Amino acid sequence: MRKLYLLALTGIFVGLFGVNVAPLSAAGNSRRNQRLENSRSRTEYAYLDNSDVVETLNDYEQNISCYPPDSDVNANVYQTWIHRGIALQKLQKYRESIICLDLALAVKPDLEQAWYRRGIALSHLKNYHQAFVAYHHALKLNPDEYTTWYNQAVTLEKLGVYSKAIDAYQQALDLNPDLYSAWHHRGQILARLGRTDKALIAYQKAVEIQPDYHESWYAQGSLLARNNRTQEAIQTYHRLLQIAPDEYRAWYNQGNLYLKSQQYEHAIAAYQKAIAIKPDYHQALNNQGAALEKLQQHREALKYYSNALQLEPQYQKALNNRRRLLLKLANLDSVKND
């Protein structure tokens, strides 16, 4: 069974099966996701019966193409094309890889790994309709491969065909219940569809399997916050920050929840953490000012509003807050003078 080949999620607007769908949000994609994707895309390959595949890849690192000399063509020519296609994917030459894989499939159309690899290349090229077709062919040949179901689900998610994506993630999970990334992405779709309780269950499954999976903790906290489950959201962000103390967005979101629940000193502490990690975080600077203003620390609040505007001069919330507070302070000074 091949290892999981993760595909990073990005926004797209495409119709599949005759429907138009909204773009897929990329929120929650993190630097960790990108590092994981970059690492795996360089090192993981499709399953091949030939145990010498890794050595074969190294043979084609330099000046690789899909057009070997005649002496390189033999009775097992399709294996040559597959090896070259995989090596080209390692070099991120996805269009050339597809040419090789198509040559292999022209010789032997029932090559599951060639269809699978074709799907990966097309996914990287953002040709998701054709990637779907390639994964579909691979699954007809081998319906028990969870990585293909997973990548099929990612493709459907990118295409906005959410009900079918949920089904495909479920197929992957039936084959590999510990596939935490599938639980996470399933949760994202369920949240998008307004099925909050089921989404939370999916996120919780992801972190039970992989306790340091930042993305699911963050998504769970955000979903709880959107549904006004403030204390649960605060606790979820707290769990995340124990794992990833440099996650400034979580500090900021936690600060907002404390501000909403009138726990102003806790809000200030959270915003300070966010600003210490990301000094140009103008939204956090503005909200820090709001929390200070609630504690009647007007002069200090004014400084934070001004700092936010130094970074983002057209930031309307900070402009409004600063203008209002200046008027308030002017009125207070007028009363004192009277």
C-alpha atoms as a PDB file:
ATOM      1  CA  MET A   1       0.000   0.000   0.000  1.00  0.00           C
ATOM      2  CA  ARG A   2       1.470   3.321  -1.043  1.00  0.00           C
ATOM      3  CA  LYS A   3       2.069   6.164   1.335  1.00  0.00           C
ATOM      4  CA  LEU A   4      -0.277   9.128   1.392  1.00  0.00           C
ATOM      5  CA  TYR A   5       0.563  11.821  -1.116  1.00  0.00           C
ATOM      6  CA  LEU A   6      -0.872  15.039   0.278  1.00  0.00           C
ATOM      7  CA  LEU A   7      -2.168  17.737  -2.048  1.00  0.00           C
ATOM      8  CA  ALA A   8      -2.320  21.306  -0.759  1.00  0.00           C
ATOM      9  CA  LEU A   9      -5.755  22.924  -0.917  1.00  0.00           C
ATOM     10  CA  THR A  10      -6.257  26.152  -2.852  1.00  0.00           C
ATOM     11  CA  GLY A  11      -9.308  28.093  -3.989  1.00  0.00           C
ATOM     12  CA  ILE A  12     -10.971  27.352  -7.341  1.00  0.00           C
ATOM     13  CA  PHE A  13     -14.268  28.020  -9.134  1.00  0.00           C
ATOM     14  CA  VAL A  14     -15.210  25.130 -11.386  1.00  0.00           C
ATOM     15  CA  GLY A  15     -18.368  23.278 -12.357  1.00  0.00           C
ATOM     16  CA  LEU A  16     -18.546  19.496 -12.302  1.00  0.00           C
ATOM     17  CA  PHE A  17     -21.428  17.337 -13.423  1.00  0.00           C
ATOM     18  CA  GLY A  18     -23.209  20.418 -14.783  1.00  0.00           C
ATOM     19  CA  VAL A  19     -23.259  22.537 -11.603  1.00  0.00           C
ATOM     20  CA  ASN A  20     -21.578  25.824 -10.705  1.00  0.00           C
ATOM     21  CA  VAL A  21     -20.044  25.960  -7.258  1.00  0.00           C
ATOM     22  CA  ALA A  22     -18.462  28.539  -4.985  1.00  0.00           C
ATOM     23  CA  PRO A  23     -14.693  28.732  -4.540  1.00  0.00           C
ATOM     24  CA  LEU A  24     -13.079  26.614  -1.872  1.00  0.00           C
ATOM     25  CA  SER A  25     -11.685  28.641   0.985  1.00  0.00           C
ATOM     26  CA  ALA A  26      -7.989  28.258   1.692  1.00  0.00           C
ATOM     27  CA  ALA A  27      -8.412  29.429   5.284  1.00  0.00           C
ATOM     28  CA  GLY A  28      -6.654  27.284   7.796  1.00  0.00           C
ATOM     29  CA  ASN A  29      -3.905  26.388   5.399  1.00  0.00           C
ATOM     30  CA  SER A  30      -0.797  26.909   7.348  1.00  0.00           C
ATOM     31  CA  ARG A  31       2.929  27.104   6.902  1.00  0.00           C
ATOM     32  CA  ARG A  32       3.117  23.623   8.400  1.00  0.00           C
ATOM     33  CA  ASN A  33       0.830  22.262   5.683  1.00  0.00           C
ATOM     34  CA  GLN A  34       3.034  23.775   2.978  1.00  0.00           C
ATOM     35  CA  ARG A  35       6.216  22.395   4.539  1.00  0.00           C
ATOM     36  CA  LEU A  36       4.619  18.961   4.766  1.00  0.00           C
ATOM     37  CA  GLU A  37       3.449  19.123   1.153  1.00  0.00           C
ATOM     38  CA  ASN A  38       6.860  20.271  -0.100  1.00  0.00           C
ATOM     39  CA  SER A  39       8.625  17.503   1.792  1.00  0.00           C
ATOM     40  CA  ARG A  40       6.304  14.733   0.689  1.00  0.00           C
ATOM     41  CA  SER A  41       6.119  15.833  -2.922  1.00  0.00           C
ATOM     42  CA  ARG A  42       9.890  15.516  -3.119  1.00  0.00           C
ATOM     43  CA  THR A  43      10.195  12.116  -1.473  1.00  0.00           C
ATOM     44  CA  GLU A  44       7.099   9.932  -1.922  1.00  0.00           C
ATOM     45  CA  TYR A  45       6.342   7.933  -5.057  1.00  0.00           C
ATOM     46  CA  ALA A  46       3.547   5.797  -6.380  1.00  0.00           C
ATOM     47  CA  TYR A  47       3.558   2.113  -5.635  1.00  0.00           C
ATOM     48  CA  LEU A  48       5.364  -0.023  -8.212  1.00  0.00           C
ATOM     49  CA  ASP A  49       5.931  -3.762  -8.249  1.00  0.00           C
ATOM     50  CA  ASN A  50       9.518  -3.151  -9.328  1.00  0.00           C
ATOM     51  CA  SER A  51      11.552  -2.995  -6.096  1.00  0.00           C
ATOM     52  CA  ASP A  52      14.346  -1.130  -7.879  1.00  0.00           C
ATOM     53  CA  VAL A  53      12.221   1.969  -8.452  1.00  0.00           C
ATOM     54  CA  VAL A  54      14.224   4.253  -6.143  1.00  0.00           C
ATOM     55  CA  GLU A  55      17.477   3.377  -7.866  1.00  0.00           C
ATOM     56  CA  THR A  56      15.782   3.847 -11.212  1.00  0.00           C
ATOM     57  CA  LEU A  57      14.689   7.352 -10.232  1.00  0.00           C
ATOM     58  CA  ASN A  58      18.255   8.410  -9.556  1.00  0.00           C
ATOM     59  CA  ASP A  59      19.329   7.240 -13.015  1.00  0.00           C
ATOM     60  CA  TYR A  60      17.077   9.832 -14.625  1.00  0.00           C
ATOM     61  CA  GLU A  61      17.792  12.874 -12.451  1.00  0.00           C
ATOM     62  CA  GLN A  62      19.778  14.682 -15.152  1.00  0.00           C
ATOM     63  CA  ASN A  63      18.454  15.600 -18.601  1.00  0.00           C
ATOM     64  CA  ILE A  64      15.502  13.254 -18.266  1.00  0.00           C
ATOM     65  CA  SER A  65      12.959  13.119 -21.085  1.00  0.00           C
ATOM     66  CA  CYS A  66      10.306  10.778 -22.436  1.00  0.00           C
ATOM     67  CA  TYR A  67      12.319  10.013 -25.526  1.00  0.00           C
ATOM     68  CA  PRO A  68      15.063   7.483 -24.704  1.00  0.00           C
ATOM     69  CA  PRO A  69      17.381   6.072 -27.372  1.00  0.00           C
ATOM     70  CA  ASP A  70      16.114   3.032 -29.264  1.00  0.00           C
ATOM     71  CA  SER A  71      18.391   0.800 -27.217  1.00  0.00           C
ATOM     72  CA  ASP A  72      16.414   1.744 -24.094  1.00  0.00           C
ATOM     73  CA  VAL A  73      13.162   0.359 -25.483  1.00  0.00           C
ATOM     74  CA  ASN A  74      12.427  -3.257 -24.637  1.00  0.00           C
ATOM     75  CA  ALA A  75       9.588  -5.671 -24.052  1.00  0.00           C
ATOM     76  CA  ASN A  76       8.784  -3.926 -20.767  1.00  0.00           C
ATOM     77  CA  VAL A  77       8.715  -0.483 -22.359  1.00  0.00           C
ATOM     78  CA  TYR A  78       5.763   0.664 -20.256  1.00  0.00           C
ATOM     79  CA  GLN A  79       7.892   0.306 -17.109  1.00  0.00           C
ATOM     80  CA  THR A  80      10.442   2.641 -18.668  1.00  0.00           C
ATOM     81  CA  TRP A  81       7.749   5.248 -19.232  1.00  0.00           C
ATOM     82  CA  ILE A  82       6.436   4.883 -15.673  1.00  0.00           C
ATOM     83  CA  HIS A  83       9.913   5.180 -14.153  1.00  0.00           C
ATOM     84  CA  ARG A  84      10.570   8.286 -16.193  1.00  0.00           C
ATOM     85  CA  GLY A  85       7.170   9.756 -15.350  1.00  0.00           C
ATOM     86  CA  ILE A  86       7.771   9.306 -11.629  1.00  0.00           C
ATOM     87  CA  ALA A  87      11.267  10.772 -11.861  1.00  0.00           C
ATOM     88  CA  LEU A  88       9.918  13.793 -13.733  1.00  0.00           C
ATOM     89  CA  GLN A  89       7.365  14.337 -10.975  1.00  0.00           C
ATOM     90  CA  LYS A  90      10.204  14.261  -8.488  1.00  0.00           C
ATOM     91  CA  LEU A  91      11.722  17.123 -10.514  1.00  0.00           C
ATOM     92  CA  GLN A  92       8.306  18.876 -10.573  1.00  0.00           C
ATOM     93  CA  LYS A  93       8.133  18.529 -14.374  1.00  0.00           C
ATOM     94  CA  TYR A  94       4.489  17.581 -14.382  1.00  0.00           C
ATOM     95  CA  ARG A  95       3.635  18.151 -18.046  1.00  0.00           C
ATOM     96  CA  GLU A  96       6.567  16.019 -19.164  1.00  0.00           C
ATOM     97  CA  SER A  97       5.554  13.408 -16.597  1.00  0.00           C
ATOM     98  CA  ILE A  98       2.082  13.173 -18.136  1.00  0.00           C
ATOM     99  CA  ILE A  99       3.612  12.516 -21.566  1.00  0.00           C
ATOM    100  CA  CYS A 100       5.573   9.578 -20.149  1.00  0.00           C
ATOM    101  CA  LEU A 101       2.577   8.179 -18.304  1.00  0.00           C
ATOM    102  CA  ASP A 102       0.405   8.462 -21.413  1.00  0.00           C
ATOM    103  CA  LEU A 103       3.003   6.483 -23.358  1.00  0.00           C
ATOM    104  CA  ALA A 104       2.868   3.781 -20.678  1.00  0.00           C
ATOM    105  CA  LEU A 105      -0.933   3.726 -20.775  1.00  0.00           C
ATOM    106  CA  ALA A 106      -0.908   3.493 -24.568  1.00  0.00           C
ATOM    107  CA  VAL A 107       1.021   0.225 -24.202  1.00  0.00           C
ATOM    108  CA  LYS A 108      -0.843  -1.066 -21.128  1.00  0.00           C
ATOM    109  CA  PRO A 109      -4.099   0.776 -20.309  1.00  0.00           C
ATOM    110  CA  ASP A 110      -4.723  -1.092 -17.040  1.00  0.00           C
ATOM    111  CA  LEU A 111      -1.744   0.382 -15.139  1.00  0.00           C
ATOM    112  CA  GLU A 112      -3.274   1.587 -11.900  1.00  0.00           C
ATOM    113  CA  GLN A 113      -0.101   3.356 -10.761  1.00  0.00           C
ATOM    114  CA  ALA A 114       0.151   5.245 -14.072  1.00  0.00           C
ATOM    115  CA  TRP A 115      -3.409   6.549 -13.724  1.00  0.00           C
ATOM    116  CA  TYR A 116      -2.728   7.457 -10.092  1.00  0.00           C
ATOM    117  CA  ARG A 117       0.444   9.339 -10.984  1.00  0.00           C
ATOM    118  CA  ARG A 118      -1.328  11.038 -13.874  1.00  0.00           C
ATOM    119  CA  GLY A 119      -3.891  12.310 -11.374  1.00  0.00           C
ATOM    120  CA  ILE A 120      -1.155  13.706  -9.138  1.00  0.00           C
ATOM    121  CA  ALA A 121       0.514  15.525 -12.041  1.00  0.00           C
ATOM    122  CA  LEU A 122      -2.791  16.990 -13.221  1.00  0.00           C
ATOM    123  CA  SER A 123      -3.630  18.074  -9.676  1.00  0.00           C
ATOM    124  CA  HIS A 124      -0.354  19.976  -9.452  1.00  0.00           C
ATOM    125  CA  LEU A 125      -1.216  21.615 -12.769  1.00  0.00           C
ATOM    126  CA  LYS A 126      -4.646  22.517 -11.320  1.00  0.00           C
ATOM    127  CA  ASN A 127      -6.439  20.587 -14.039  1.00  0.00           C
ATOM    128  CA  TYR A 128      -8.850  19.097 -11.548  1.00  0.00           C
ATOM    129  CA  HIS A 129     -11.429  17.766 -13.991  1.00  0.00           C
ATOM    130  CA  GLN A 130      -8.825  15.604 -15.703  1.00  0.00           C
ATOM    131  CA  ALA A 131      -7.271  14.668 -12.353  1.00  0.00           C
ATOM    132  CA  PHE A 132     -10.686  13.396 -11.281  1.00  0.00           C
ATOM    133  CA  VAL A 133     -10.875  11.233 -14.410  1.00  0.00           C
ATOM    134  CA  ALA A 134      -7.396   9.810 -13.790  1.00  0.00           C
ATOM    135  CA  TYR A 135      -8.137   8.918 -10.162  1.00  0.00           C
ATOM    136  CA  HIS A 136     -11.445   7.417 -11.259  1.00  0.00           C
ATOM    137  CA  HIS A 137      -9.603   5.086 -13.651  1.00  0.00           C
ATOM    138  CA  ALA A 138      -7.128   4.147 -10.911  1.00  0.00           C
ATOM    139  CA  LEU A 139      -9.956   3.325  -8.513  1.00  0.00           C
ATOM    140  CA  LYS A 140     -11.712   1.130 -11.060  1.00  0.00           C
ATOM    141  CA  LEU A 141      -8.497  -0.895 -11.255  1.00  0.00           C
ATOM    142  CA  ASN A 142      -7.831  -0.877  -7.496  1.00  0.00           C
ATOM    143  CA  PRO A 143     -10.725   0.260  -5.296  1.00  0.00           C
ATOM    144  CA  ASP A 144      -8.876  -0.696  -2.100  1.00  0.00           C
ATOM    145  CA  GLU A 145      -6.192   2.012  -2.261  1.00  0.00           C
ATOM    146  CA  TYR A 146      -6.966   4.655   0.349  1.00  0.00           C
ATOM    147  CA  THR A 147      -4.455   7.177  -1.009  1.00  0.00           C
ATOM    148  CA  THR A 148      -6.308   7.296  -4.325  1.00  0.00           C
ATOM    149  CA  TRP A 149      -9.625   7.819  -2.561  1.00  0.00           C
ATOM    150  CA  TYR A 150      -8.014  10.586  -0.510  1.00  0.00           C
ATOM    151  CA  ASN A 151      -6.613  12.380  -3.545  1.00  0.00           C
ATOM    152  CA  GLN A 152      -9.904  11.893  -5.365  1.00  0.00           C
ATOM    153  CA  ALA A 153     -11.648  13.547  -2.422  1.00  0.00           C
ATOM    154  CA  VAL A 154      -9.207  16.478  -2.448  1.00  0.00           C
ATOM    155  CA  THR A 155      -9.881  16.951  -6.163  1.00  0.00           C
ATOM    156  CA  LEU A 156     -13.644  16.905  -5.633  1.00  0.00           C
ATOM    157  CA  GLU A 157     -13.254  19.369  -2.775  1.00  0.00           C
ATOM    158  CA  LYS A 158     -11.314  21.728  -5.026  1.00  0.00           C
ATOM    159  CA  LEU A 159     -14.066  21.412  -7.608  1.00  0.00           C
ATOM    160  CA  GLY A 160     -16.662  22.273  -4.986  1.00  0.00           C
ATOM    161  CA  VAL A 161     -18.518  18.965  -5.333  1.00  0.00           C
ATOM    162  CA  TYR A 162     -18.775  18.636  -1.588  1.00  0.00           C
ATOM    163  CA  SER A 163     -21.201  15.745  -1.155  1.00  0.00           C
ATOM    164  CA  LYS A 164     -19.093  13.507  -3.390  1.00  0.00           C
ATOM    165  CA  ALA A 165     -15.921  14.699  -1.670  1.00  0.00           C
ATOM    166  CA  ILE A 166     -17.377  13.663   1.703  1.00  0.00           C
ATOM    167  CA  ASP A 167     -18.168  10.234   0.274  1.00  0.00           C
ATOM    168  CA  ALA A 168     -14.638   9.871  -1.104  1.00  0.00           C
ATOM    169  CA  TYR A 169     -13.067  10.882   2.220  1.00  0.00           C
ATOM    170  CA  GLN A 170     -15.301   8.317   3.902  1.00  0.00           C
ATOM    171  CA  GLN A 171     -14.074   5.634   1.492  1.00  0.00           C
ATOM    172  CA  ALA A 172     -10.488   6.535   2.400  1.00  0.00           C
ATOM    173  CA  LEU A 173     -11.347   6.404   6.111  1.00  0.00           C
ATOM    174  CA  ASP A 174     -13.082   3.054   5.763  1.00  0.00           C
ATOM    175  CA  LEU A 175      -9.787   1.709   4.418  1.00  0.00           C
ATOM    176  CA  ASN A 176      -7.584   3.655   6.846  1.00  0.00           C
ATOM    177  CA  PRO A 177      -9.433   5.018   9.902  1.00  0.00           C
ATOM    178  CA  ASP A 178      -6.242   6.670  11.196  1.00  0.00           C
ATOM    179  CA  LEU A 179      -5.960   9.029   8.225  1.00  0.00           C
ATOM    180  CA  TYR A 180      -6.205  12.216  10.293  1.00  0.00           C
ATOM    181  CA  SER A 181      -5.910  14.592   7.327  1.00  0.00           C
ATOM    182  CA  ALA A 182      -9.014  12.974   5.804  1.00  0.00           C
ATOM    183  CA  TRP A 183     -10.920  13.554   9.050  1.00  0.00           C
ATOM    184  CA  HIS A 184      -9.771  17.182   8.998  1.00  0.00           C
ATOM    185  CA  HIS A 185     -10.791  17.883   5.410  1.00  0.00           C
ATOM    186  CA  ARG A 186     -14.068  16.056   5.920  1.00  0.00           C
ATOM    187  CA  GLY A 187     -14.660  18.379   8.870  1.00  0.00           C
ATOM    188  CA  GLN A 188     -13.924  21.427   6.726  1.00  0.00           C
ATOM    189  CA  ILE A 189     -16.543  20.440   4.179  1.00  0.00           C
ATOM    190  CA  LEU A 190     -19.123  19.625   6.850  1.00  0.00           C
ATOM    191  CA  ALA A 191     -18.486  23.023   8.454  1.00  0.00           C
ATOM    192  CA  ARG A 192     -18.926  24.733   5.078  1.00  0.00           C
ATOM    193  CA  LEU A 193     -22.255  22.933   4.667  1.00  0.00           C
ATOM    194  CA  GLY A 194     -23.420  24.100   8.103  1.00  0.00           C
ATOM    195  CA  ARG A 195     -23.275  20.643   9.676  1.00  0.00           C
ATOM    196  CA  THR A 196     -21.492  21.952  12.745  1.00  0.00           C
ATOM    197  CA  ASP A 197     -21.799  19.020  15.129  1.00  0.00           C
ATOM    198  CA  LYS A 198     -20.547  16.503  12.582  1.00  0.00           C
ATOM    199  CA  ALA A 199     -17.713  18.839  11.612  1.00  0.00           C
ATOM    200  CA  LEU A 200     -16.628  19.130  15.250  1.00  0.00           C
ATOM    201  CA  ILE A 201     -16.668  15.347  15.582  1.00  0.00           C
ATOM    202  CA  ALA A 202     -14.440  15.065  12.507  1.00  0.00           C
ATOM    203  CA  TYR A 203     -11.977  17.659  13.829  1.00  0.00           C
ATOM    204  CA  GLN A 204     -11.908  15.899  17.185  1.00  0.00           C
ATOM    205  CA  LYS A 205     -11.155  12.577  15.501  1.00  0.00           C
ATOM    206  CA  ALA A 206      -8.252  14.216  13.674  1.00  0.00           C
ATOM    207  CA  VAL A 207      -6.633  15.498  16.876  1.00  0.00           C
ATOM    208  CA  GLU A 208      -7.266  12.251  18.726  1.00  0.00           C
ATOM    209  CA  ILE A 209      -5.210  10.491  16.063  1.00  0.00           C
ATOM    210  CA  GLN A 210      -2.640  13.289  15.693  1.00  0.00           C
ATOM    211  CA  PRO A 211      -2.686  15.445  18.864  1.00  0.00           C
ATOM    212  CA  ASP A 212      -0.295  18.065  17.458  1.00  0.00           C
ATOM    213  CA  TYR A 213      -2.270  18.620  14.253  1.00  0.00           C
ATOM    214  CA  HIS A 214      -2.522  22.416  14.458  1.00  0.00           C
ATOM    215  CA  GLU A 215      -4.940  22.805  11.579  1.00  0.00           C
ATOM    216  CA  SER A 216      -7.728  20.820  13.222  1.00  0.00           C
ATOM    217  CA  TRP A 217      -7.344  22.545  16.589  1.00  0.00           C
ATOM    218  CA  TYR A 218      -7.490  25.928  14.842  1.00  0.00           C
ATOM    219  CA  ALA A 219     -10.455  24.976  12.657  1.00  0.00           C
ATOM    220  CA  GLN A 220     -12.302  23.578  15.670  1.00  0.00           C
ATOM    221  CA  GLY A 221     -11.729  26.776  17.649  1.00  0.00           C
ATOM    222  CA  SER A 222     -12.875  28.948  14.749  1.00  0.00           C
ATOM    223  CA  LEU A 223     -16.020  26.883  14.225  1.00  0.00           C
ATOM    224  CA  LEU A 224     -16.913  27.012  17.922  1.00  0.00           C
ATOM    225  CA  ALA A 225     -16.375  30.781  17.925  1.00  0.00           C
ATOM    226  CA  ARG A 226     -18.602  31.270  14.872  1.00  0.00           C
ATOM    227  CA  ASN A 227     -21.340  29.354  16.657  1.00  0.00           C
ATOM    228  CA  ASN A 228     -21.048  31.505  19.811  1.00  0.00           C
ATOM    229  CA  ARG A 229     -19.649  28.663  21.897  1.00  0.00           C
ATOM    230  CA  THR A 230     -17.190  31.107  23.386  1.00  0.00           C
ATOM    231  CA  GLN A 231     -15.773  29.239  26.357  1.00  0.00           C
ATOM    232  CA  GLU A 232     -15.322  26.040  24.359  1.00  0.00           C
ATOM    233  CA  ALA A 233     -13.538  28.023  21.674  1.00  0.00           C
ATOM    234  CA  ILE A 234     -11.240  29.659  24.240  1.00  0.00           C
ATOM    235  CA  GLN A 235     -10.318  26.249  25.633  1.00  0.00           C
ATOM    236  CA  THR A 236      -9.678  24.867  22.155  1.00  0.00           C
ATOM    237  CA  TYR A 237      -7.341  27.742  21.296  1.00  0.00           C
ATOM    238  CA  HIS A 238      -5.646  27.188  24.644  1.00  0.00           C
ATOM    239  CA  ARG A 239      -4.965  23.572  23.662  1.00  0.00           C
ATOM    240  CA  LEU A 240      -3.602  24.699  20.308  1.00  0.00           C
ATOM    241  CA  LEU A 241      -1.326  27.298  21.894  1.00  0.00           C
ATOM    242  CA  GLN A 242       0.144  24.700  24.222  1.00  0.00           C
ATOM    243  CA  ILE A 243       1.238  22.845  21.089  1.00  0.00           C
ATOM    244  CA  ALA A 244       2.063  25.850  18.896  1.00  0.00           C
ATOM    245  CA  PRO A 245       2.786  28.905  21.059  1.00  0.00           C
ATOM    246  CA  ASP A 246       3.876  30.943  18.017  1.00  0.00           C
ATOM    247  CA  GLU A 247       0.490  30.659  16.300  1.00  0.00           C
ATOM    248  CA  TYR A 248      -0.311  34.375  16.397  1.00  0.00           C
ATOM    249  CA  ARG A 249      -3.733  33.955  14.777  1.00  0.00           C
ATOM    250  CA  ALA A 250      -4.836  31.758  17.668  1.00  0.00           C
ATOM    251  CA  TRP A 251      -3.660  34.356  20.211  1.00  0.00           C
ATOM    252  CA  TYR A 252      -5.571  37.014  18.282  1.00  0.00           C
ATOM    253  CA  ASN A 253      -8.737  34.913  18.061  1.00  0.00           C
ATOM    254  CA  GLN A 254      -8.504  34.037  21.731  1.00  0.00           C
ATOM    255  CA  GLY A 255      -8.124  37.734  22.515  1.00  0.00           C
ATOM    256  CA  ASN A 256     -11.272  38.490  20.522  1.00  0.00           C
ATOM    257  CA  LEU A 257     -13.192  35.878  22.483  1.00  0.00           C
ATOM    258  CA  TYR A 258     -11.987  37.308  25.792  1.00  0.00           C
ATOM    259  CA  LEU A 259     -12.951  40.799  24.586  1.00  0.00           C
ATOM    260  CA  LYS A 260     -16.401  39.542  23.617  1.00  0.00           C
ATOM    261  CA  SER A 261     -16.871  37.932  27.039  1.00  0.00           C
ATOM    262  CA  GLN A 262     -15.664  41.136  28.800  1.00  0.00           C
ATOM    263  CA  GLN A 263     -12.511  39.497  30.159  1.00  0.00           C
ATOM    264  CA  TYR A 264     -10.462  42.519  29.178  1.00  0.00           C
ATOM    265  CA  GLU A 265      -7.233  41.776  31.007  1.00  0.00           C
ATOM    266  CA  HIS A 266      -7.094  38.302  29.465  1.00  0.00           C
ATOM    267  CA  ALA A 267      -7.818  39.871  26.084  1.00  0.00           C
ATOM    268  CA  ILE A 268      -4.923  42.312  26.503  1.00  0.00           C
ATOM    269  CA  ALA A 269      -2.557  39.489  27.433  1.00  0.00           C
ATOM    270  CA  ALA A 270      -3.595  37.481  24.366  1.00  0.00           C
ATOM    271  CA  TYR A 271      -3.249  40.444  22.002  1.00  0.00           C
ATOM    272  CA  GLN A 272       0.184  41.213  23.442  1.00  0.00           C
ATOM    273  CA  LYS A 273       1.257  37.666  22.611  1.00  0.00           C
ATOM    274  CA  ALA A 274       0.005  38.024  19.045  1.00  0.00           C
ATOM    275  CA  ILE A 275       1.762  41.377  18.607  1.00  0.00           C
ATOM    276  CA  ALA A 276       5.018  40.071  20.079  1.00  0.00           C
ATOM    277  CA  ILE A 277       5.048  37.332  17.431  1.00  0.00           C
ATOM    278  CA  LYS A 278       3.792  39.560  14.596  1.00  0.00           C
ATOM    279  CA  PRO A 279       4.549  43.226  15.350  1.00  0.00           C
ATOM    280  CA  ASP A 280       2.813  44.454  12.170  1.00  0.00           C
ATOM    281  CA  TYR A 281      -0.493  42.821  13.086  1.00  0.00           C
ATOM    282  CA  HIS A 282      -2.611  45.958  12.780  1.00  0.00           C
ATOM    283  CA  GLN A 283      -5.891  44.215  13.670  1.00  0.00           C
ATOM    284  CA  ALA A 284      -4.408  43.015  16.966  1.00  0.00           C
ATOM    285  CA  LEU A 285      -3.065  46.501  17.712  1.00  0.00           C
ATOM    286  CA  ASN A 286      -6.512  47.988  17.127  1.00  0.00           C
ATOM    287  CA  ASN A 287      -8.243  45.408  19.296  1.00  0.00           C
ATOM    288  CA  GLN A 288      -5.629  45.854  22.008  1.00  0.00           C
ATOM    289  CA  GLY A 289      -6.632  49.504  22.004  1.00  0.00           C
ATOM    290  CA  ALA A 290     -10.295  48.532  22.309  1.00  0.00           C
ATOM    291  CA  ALA A 291      -9.590  46.320  25.333  1.00  0.00           C
ATOM    292  CA  LEU A 292      -7.539  49.075  26.994  1.00  0.00           C
ATOM    293  CA  GLU A 293     -10.315  51.565  26.340  1.00  0.00           C
ATOM    294  CA  LYS A 294     -12.787  49.253  28.084  1.00  0.00           C
ATOM    295  CA  LEU A 295     -10.508  49.438  31.142  1.00  0.00           C
ATOM    296  CA  GLN A 296     -10.585  53.266  30.898  1.00  0.00           C
ATOM    297  CA  GLN A 297      -6.906  53.360  29.891  1.00  0.00           C
ATOM    298  CA  HIS A 298      -7.671  55.971  27.253  1.00  0.00           C
ATOM    299  CA  ARG A 299      -4.217  57.385  26.558  1.00  0.00           C
ATOM    300  CA  GLU A 300      -2.735  53.924  26.193  1.00  0.00           C
ATOM    301  CA  ALA A 301      -5.611  52.863  23.949  1.00  0.00           C
ATOM    302  CA  LEU A 302      -5.026  55.907  21.741  1.00  0.00           C
ATOM    303  CA  LYS A 303      -1.401  54.855  21.241  1.00  0.00           C
ATOM    304  CA  TYR A 304      -2.469  51.422  20.005  1.00  0.00           C
ATOM    305  CA  TYR A 305      -5.010  52.888  17.585  1.00  0.00           C
ATOM    306  CA  SER A 306      -2.297  55.193  16.262  1.00  0.00           C
ATOM    307  CA  ASN A 307       0.168  52.309  15.940  1.00  0.00           C
ATOM    308  CA  ALA A 308      -2.373  50.333  13.926  1.00  0.00           C
ATOM    309  CA  LEU A 309      -2.837  53.304  11.589  1.00  0.00           C
ATOM    310  CA  GLN A 310       0.893  53.725  11.118  1.00  0.00           C
ATOM    311  CA  LEU A 311       0.896  50.213   9.672  1.00  0.00           C
ATOM    312  CA  GLU A 312      -2.397  50.495   7.782  1.00  0.00           C
ATOM    313  CA  PRO A 313      -3.406  54.172   7.341  1.00  0.00           C
ATOM    314  CA  GLN A 314      -6.768  53.319   5.732  1.00  0.00           C
ATOM    315  CA  TYR A 315      -7.827  50.769   8.357  1.00  0.00           C
ATOM    316  CA  GLN A 316     -11.355  52.002   8.963  1.00  0.00           C
ATOM    317  CA  LYS A 317     -11.919  50.445  12.384  1.00  0.00           C
ATOM    318  CA  ALA A 318      -8.803  52.069  13.809  1.00  0.00           C
ATOM    319  CA  LEU A 319      -9.674  55.387  12.131  1.00  0.00           C
ATOM    320  CA  ASN A 320     -13.139  55.324  13.695  1.00  0.00           C
ATOM    321  CA  ASN A 321     -11.857  54.261  17.109  1.00  0.00           C
ATOM    322  CA  ARG A 322      -9.136  56.908  17.185  1.00  0.00           C
ATOM    323  CA  ARG A 323     -11.488  59.684  16.041  1.00  0.00           C
ATOM    324  CA  ARG A 324     -14.146  58.702  18.576  1.00  0.00           C
ATOM    325  CA  LEU A 325     -11.633  58.432  21.415  1.00  0.00           C
ATOM    326  CA  LEU A 326     -10.063  61.807  20.583  1.00  0.00           C
ATOM    327  CA  LEU A 327     -13.514  63.408  20.771  1.00  0.00           C
ATOM    328  CA  LYS A 328     -14.170  61.645  24.055  1.00  0.00           C
ATOM    329  CA  LEU A 329     -10.869  62.848  25.515  1.00  0.00           C
ATOM    330  CA  ALA A 330     -11.522  66.371  24.274  1.00  0.00           C
ATOM    331  CA  ASN A 331     -14.910  66.360  25.997  1.00  0.00           C
ATOM    332  CA  LEU A 332     -13.348  65.050  29.204  1.00  0.00           C
ATOM    333  CA  ASP A 333     -10.720  67.792  29.119  1.00  0.00           C
ATOM    334  CA  SER A 334     -13.437  70.361  28.500  1.00  0.00           C
ATOM    335  CA  VAL A 335     -15.390  69.146  31.524  1.00  0.00           C
ATOM    336  CA  LYS A 336     -12.259  69.321  33.682  1.00  0.00           C
ATOM    337  CA  ASN A 337     -11.518  72.864  32.546  1.00  0.00           C
ATOM    338  CA  ASP A 338     -15.056  73.938  33.353  1.00  0.00           C
END
